[in-house]
């Protein structure tokens, strides 16, 4: 144990913090991987352009039954296809509060392409949901989520 001098007030706290910082282990950052950076479309800061799509409740509620089941089956198939094509970096549901139903983060550079892609989804085509689009600049490592998600998913559909 290190003996610290007895100080009063803020000086003691400052010295204690300085000592703790000096003793804290430092994690080494992994080396830069240029091939991985290229594969995920990273710029020099490890970032890239995306389009954030917020899915909200639309004007046409599809009633429970085979049509609704088919619509959501198609929705999940569409997300799987987009992910396999490298266009969908992340997707997931919201809690439904205020009509917010879910999100897509699309690995596309502009909103027009995101609109075209999103229009193919059955929940949008049916009017069950509507989409709101925003440009987003985030970590290019989001492109790795799909690959690693399969490694942590125990229950498969």
C-alpha atoms as a PDB file:
ATOM      1  CA  UNK A   1       0.000   0.000   0.000  1.00  0.00           C
ATOM      2  CA  UNK A   2       1.249   3.471  -0.860  1.00  0.00           C
ATOM      3  CA  UNK A   3       1.351   6.001   1.957  1.00  0.00           C
ATOM      4  CA  UNK A   4       0.025   9.389   0.982  1.00  0.00           C
ATOM      5  CA  UNK A   5       0.878  12.568   2.852  1.00  0.00           C
ATOM      6  CA  UNK A   6      -1.840  14.006   5.018  1.00  0.00           C
ATOM      7  CA  UNK A   7      -3.309  17.024   3.284  1.00  0.00           C
ATOM      8  CA  UNK A   8      -6.414  19.009   3.931  1.00  0.00           C
ATOM      9  CA  UNK A   9      -9.330  19.970   1.720  1.00  0.00           C
ATOM     10  CA  UNK A  10      -9.156  19.843  -2.044  1.00  0.00           C
ATOM     11  CA  UNK A  11      -5.410  19.177  -2.119  1.00  0.00           C
ATOM     12  CA  UNK A  12      -5.897  15.709  -0.584  1.00  0.00           C
ATOM     13  CA  UNK A  13      -8.657  14.859  -3.036  1.00  0.00           C
ATOM     14  CA  UNK A  14      -6.592  16.116  -5.963  1.00  0.00           C
ATOM     15  CA  UNK A  15      -3.579  14.044  -4.909  1.00  0.00           C
ATOM     16  CA  UNK A  16      -5.743  10.952  -4.392  1.00  0.00           C
ATOM     17  CA  UNK A  17      -7.248  11.324  -7.879  1.00  0.00           C
ATOM     18  CA  UNK A  18      -3.803  11.832  -9.420  1.00  0.00           C
ATOM     19  CA  UNK A  19      -2.511   8.696  -7.677  1.00  0.00           C
ATOM     20  CA  UNK A  20      -5.545   6.642  -8.791  1.00  0.00           C
ATOM     21  CA  UNK A  21      -5.119   7.761 -12.385  1.00  0.00           C
ATOM     22  CA  UNK A  22      -1.455   6.800 -12.351  1.00  0.00           C
ATOM     23  CA  UNK A  23      -2.286   3.328 -10.997  1.00  0.00           C
ATOM     24  CA  UNK A  24      -5.168   2.600 -13.363  1.00  0.00           C
ATOM     25  CA  UNK A  25      -4.429  -0.053 -15.957  1.00  0.00           C
ATOM     26  CA  UNK A  26      -4.262   1.263 -19.485  1.00  0.00           C
ATOM     27  CA  UNK A  27      -5.891  -0.818 -22.175  1.00  0.00           C
ATOM     28  CA  UNK A  28      -3.930  -0.989 -25.364  1.00  0.00           C
ATOM     29  CA  UNK A  29      -5.856  -0.047 -28.457  1.00  0.00           C
ATOM     30  CA  UNK A  30      -5.880  -2.672 -31.172  1.00  0.00           C
ATOM     31  CA  UNK A  31      -3.770  -1.813 -34.205  1.00  0.00           C
ATOM     32  CA  UNK A  32      -5.358  -0.070 -37.165  1.00  0.00           C
ATOM     33  CA  UNK A  33      -6.590  -2.610 -39.719  1.00  0.00           C
ATOM     34  CA  UNK A  34      -6.683  -0.935 -43.152  1.00  0.00           C
ATOM     35  CA  UNK A  35      -8.326  -3.956 -44.834  1.00  0.00           C
ATOM     36  CA  UNK A  36     -11.151  -3.983 -42.284  1.00  0.00           C
ATOM     37  CA  UNK A  37     -11.526  -0.203 -42.565  1.00  0.00           C
ATOM     38  CA  UNK A  38     -11.919  -0.523 -46.351  1.00  0.00           C
ATOM     39  CA  UNK A  39     -14.354  -3.432 -46.002  1.00  0.00           C
ATOM     40  CA  UNK A  40     -16.695  -1.441 -43.744  1.00  0.00           C
ATOM     41  CA  UNK A  41     -16.340   1.825 -45.680  1.00  0.00           C
ATOM     42  CA  UNK A  42     -14.534   3.712 -42.911  1.00  0.00           C
ATOM     43  CA  UNK A  43     -13.066   7.143 -43.428  1.00  0.00           C
ATOM     44  CA  UNK A  44      -9.870   8.238 -41.625  1.00  0.00           C
ATOM     45  CA  UNK A  45     -11.848   8.694 -38.398  1.00  0.00           C
ATOM     46  CA  UNK A  46     -13.385   5.217 -38.551  1.00  0.00           C
ATOM     47  CA  UNK A  47     -16.762   6.723 -39.474  1.00  0.00           C
ATOM     48  CA  UNK A  48     -19.080   6.586 -42.469  1.00  0.00           C
ATOM     49  CA  UNK A  49     -22.334   8.002 -43.804  1.00  0.00           C
ATOM     50  CA  UNK A  50     -25.614   6.219 -43.116  1.00  0.00           C
ATOM     51  CA  UNK A  51     -29.285   7.039 -43.298  1.00  0.00           C
ATOM     52  CA  UNK A  52     -31.286   6.568 -40.116  1.00  0.00           C
ATOM     53  CA  UNK A  53     -34.836   5.468 -40.869  1.00  0.00           C
ATOM     54  CA  UNK A  54     -37.384   5.825 -38.081  1.00  0.00           C
ATOM     55  CA  UNK A  55     -40.427   3.629 -38.618  1.00  0.00           C
ATOM     56  CA  UNK A  56     -43.650   5.039 -37.191  1.00  0.00           C
ATOM     57  CA  UNK A  57     -47.229   3.834 -37.073  1.00  0.00           C
ATOM     58  CA  UNK A  58     -48.869   4.425 -40.434  1.00  0.00           C
ATOM     59  CA  UNK A  59     -52.445   5.150 -41.481  1.00  0.00           C
ATOM     60  CA  UNK A  60     -53.409   1.528 -42.321  1.00  0.00           C
ATOM     61  CA  UNK A  61     -53.507  -0.945 -39.451  1.00  0.00           C
ATOM     62  CA  UNK A  62     -53.451  -4.411 -40.983  1.00  0.00           C
ATOM     63  CA  UNK A  63     -55.748  -6.563 -38.824  1.00  0.00           C
ATOM     64  CA  UNK A  64     -54.504  -9.698 -37.074  1.00  0.00           C
ATOM     65  CA  UNK A  65     -54.625 -12.737 -39.296  1.00  0.00           C
ATOM     66  CA  UNK A  66     -52.855 -14.334 -42.258  1.00  0.00           C
ATOM     67  CA  UNK A  67     -52.365 -11.043 -44.140  1.00  0.00           C
ATOM     68  CA  UNK A  68     -50.645  -9.426 -41.134  1.00  0.00           C
ATOM     69  CA  UNK A  69     -48.549 -12.542 -40.527  1.00  0.00           C
ATOM     70  CA  UNK A  70     -47.434 -12.545 -44.185  1.00  0.00           C
ATOM     71  CA  UNK A  71     -46.648  -8.811 -44.027  1.00  0.00           C
ATOM     72  CA  UNK A  72     -44.326  -9.245 -41.027  1.00  0.00           C
ATOM     73  CA  UNK A  73     -42.766 -12.400 -42.485  1.00  0.00           C
ATOM     74  CA  UNK A  74     -41.943 -10.320 -45.556  1.00  0.00           C
ATOM     75  CA  UNK A  75     -40.648  -7.481 -43.331  1.00  0.00           C
ATOM     76  CA  UNK A  76     -38.167  -9.827 -41.643  1.00  0.00           C
ATOM     77  CA  UNK A  77     -37.174 -11.410 -44.959  1.00  0.00           C
ATOM     78  CA  UNK A  78     -36.570  -7.924 -46.392  1.00  0.00           C
ATOM     79  CA  UNK A  79     -34.314  -7.015 -43.459  1.00  0.00           C
ATOM     80  CA  UNK A  80     -32.367 -10.281 -43.876  1.00  0.00           C
ATOM     81  CA  UNK A  81     -31.901  -9.583 -47.597  1.00  0.00           C
ATOM     82  CA  UNK A  82     -30.737  -6.000 -47.003  1.00  0.00           C
ATOM     83  CA  UNK A  83     -28.330  -7.164 -44.317  1.00  0.00           C
ATOM     84  CA  UNK A  84     -26.874  -9.842 -46.619  1.00  0.00           C
ATOM     85  CA  UNK A  85     -26.435  -7.181 -49.324  1.00  0.00           C
ATOM     86  CA  UNK A  86     -24.499  -4.973 -46.870  1.00  0.00           C
ATOM     87  CA  UNK A  87     -27.134  -2.231 -46.985  1.00  0.00           C
ATOM     88  CA  UNK A  88     -28.675  -2.706 -43.539  1.00  0.00           C
ATOM     89  CA  UNK A  89     -26.239  -2.059 -40.711  1.00  0.00           C
ATOM     90  CA  UNK A  90     -28.695  -2.192 -37.827  1.00  0.00           C
ATOM     91  CA  UNK A  91     -32.417  -2.662 -37.236  1.00  0.00           C
ATOM     92  CA  UNK A  92     -34.692  -3.139 -34.298  1.00  0.00           C
ATOM     93  CA  UNK A  93     -38.004  -2.329 -32.684  1.00  0.00           C
ATOM     94  CA  UNK A  94     -38.897   0.548 -30.387  1.00  0.00           C
ATOM     95  CA  UNK A  95     -41.426   0.379 -27.573  1.00  0.00           C
ATOM     96  CA  UNK A  96     -44.234   1.853 -29.664  1.00  0.00           C
ATOM     97  CA  UNK A  97     -44.573   4.970 -27.503  1.00  0.00           C
ATOM     98  CA  UNK A  98     -45.777   7.951 -29.537  1.00  0.00           C
ATOM     99  CA  UNK A  99     -46.105   5.698 -32.583  1.00  0.00           C
ATOM    100  CA  UNK A 100     -42.363   4.977 -32.822  1.00  0.00           C
ATOM    101  CA  UNK A 101     -42.170   1.370 -34.029  1.00  0.00           C
ATOM    102  CA  UNK A 102     -38.592   0.682 -35.115  1.00  0.00           C
ATOM    103  CA  UNK A 103     -35.466   1.761 -36.919  1.00  0.00           C
ATOM    104  CA  UNK A 104     -33.166   0.902 -39.758  1.00  0.00           C
ATOM    105  CA  UNK A 105     -29.662   2.245 -40.120  1.00  0.00           C
ATOM    106  CA  UNK A 106     -28.969   1.906 -43.824  1.00  0.00           C
ATOM    107  CA  UNK A 107     -25.428   1.912 -45.187  1.00  0.00           C
ATOM    108  CA  UNK A 108     -26.243   4.241 -48.040  1.00  0.00           C
ATOM    109  CA  UNK A 109     -24.980   7.722 -48.681  1.00  0.00           C
ATOM    110  CA  UNK A 110     -28.198   9.524 -49.517  1.00  0.00           C
ATOM    111  CA  UNK A 111     -31.811   9.726 -48.458  1.00  0.00           C
ATOM    112  CA  UNK A 112     -33.206   9.060 -51.947  1.00  0.00           C
ATOM    113  CA  UNK A 113     -31.591   5.607 -52.062  1.00  0.00           C
ATOM    114  CA  UNK A 114     -32.866   4.956 -48.527  1.00  0.00           C
ATOM    115  CA  UNK A 115     -36.399   5.891 -49.656  1.00  0.00           C
ATOM    116  CA  UNK A 116     -36.192   3.445 -52.573  1.00  0.00           C
ATOM    117  CA  UNK A 117     -34.914   0.640 -50.343  1.00  0.00           C
ATOM    118  CA  UNK A 118     -37.458   1.269 -47.600  1.00  0.00           C
ATOM    119  CA  UNK A 119     -40.355   1.392 -50.065  1.00  0.00           C
ATOM    120  CA  UNK A 120     -39.761  -2.314 -50.804  1.00  0.00           C
ATOM    121  CA  UNK A 121     -40.563  -3.317 -47.220  1.00  0.00           C
ATOM    122  CA  UNK A 122     -44.048  -4.823 -46.806  1.00  0.00           C
ATOM    123  CA  UNK A 123     -44.841  -2.809 -43.644  1.00  0.00           C
ATOM    124  CA  UNK A 124     -44.229   0.393 -45.620  1.00  0.00           C
ATOM    125  CA  UNK A 125     -45.944  -0.785 -48.800  1.00  0.00           C
ATOM    126  CA  UNK A 126     -49.063  -1.735 -46.806  1.00  0.00           C
ATOM    127  CA  UNK A 127     -49.191   1.559 -44.895  1.00  0.00           C
ATOM    128  CA  UNK A 128     -48.817  -0.238 -41.549  1.00  0.00           C
ATOM    129  CA  UNK A 129     -45.776   1.966 -40.988  1.00  0.00           C
ATOM    130  CA  UNK A 130     -44.370   5.151 -42.460  1.00  0.00           C
ATOM    131  CA  UNK A 131     -40.700   6.074 -42.622  1.00  0.00           C
ATOM    132  CA  UNK A 132     -38.864   9.216 -41.555  1.00  0.00           C
ATOM    133  CA  UNK A 133     -35.338   9.711 -42.929  1.00  0.00           C
ATOM    134  CA  UNK A 134     -32.277  11.425 -41.430  1.00  0.00           C
ATOM    135  CA  UNK A 135     -28.639  11.534 -42.514  1.00  0.00           C
ATOM    136  CA  UNK A 136     -26.419   9.946 -39.867  1.00  0.00           C
ATOM    137  CA  UNK A 137     -22.640   9.903 -39.526  1.00  0.00           C
ATOM    138  CA  UNK A 138     -21.496   7.107 -37.239  1.00  0.00           C
ATOM    139  CA  UNK A 139     -18.941   4.412 -36.581  1.00  0.00           C
ATOM    140  CA  UNK A 140     -18.198   2.235 -39.587  1.00  0.00           C
ATOM    141  CA  UNK A 141     -17.975  -0.653 -37.110  1.00  0.00           C
ATOM    142  CA  UNK A 142     -21.798  -0.770 -37.172  1.00  0.00           C
ATOM    143  CA  UNK A 143     -21.275  -2.781 -40.345  1.00  0.00           C
ATOM    144  CA  UNK A 144     -19.907  -5.606 -38.155  1.00  0.00           C
ATOM    145  CA  UNK A 145     -23.050  -5.958 -36.037  1.00  0.00           C
ATOM    146  CA  UNK A 146     -24.809  -8.332 -38.415  1.00  0.00           C
ATOM    147  CA  UNK A 147     -21.819 -10.675 -38.582  1.00  0.00           C
ATOM    148  CA  UNK A 148     -21.408 -10.801 -34.830  1.00  0.00           C
ATOM    149  CA  UNK A 149     -25.124 -10.917 -34.044  1.00  0.00           C
ATOM    150  CA  UNK A 150     -25.321 -14.473 -35.357  1.00  0.00           C
ATOM    151  CA  UNK A 151     -22.602 -15.458 -32.873  1.00  0.00           C
ATOM    152  CA  UNK A 152     -24.638 -14.276 -29.879  1.00  0.00           C
ATOM    153  CA  UNK A 153     -28.110 -15.385 -31.036  1.00  0.00           C
ATOM    154  CA  UNK A 154     -29.095 -18.648 -29.343  1.00  0.00           C
ATOM    155  CA  UNK A 155     -32.729 -18.778 -30.549  1.00  0.00           C
ATOM    156  CA  UNK A 156     -32.948 -18.928 -34.328  1.00  0.00           C
ATOM    157  CA  UNK A 157     -36.166 -18.348 -36.265  1.00  0.00           C
END
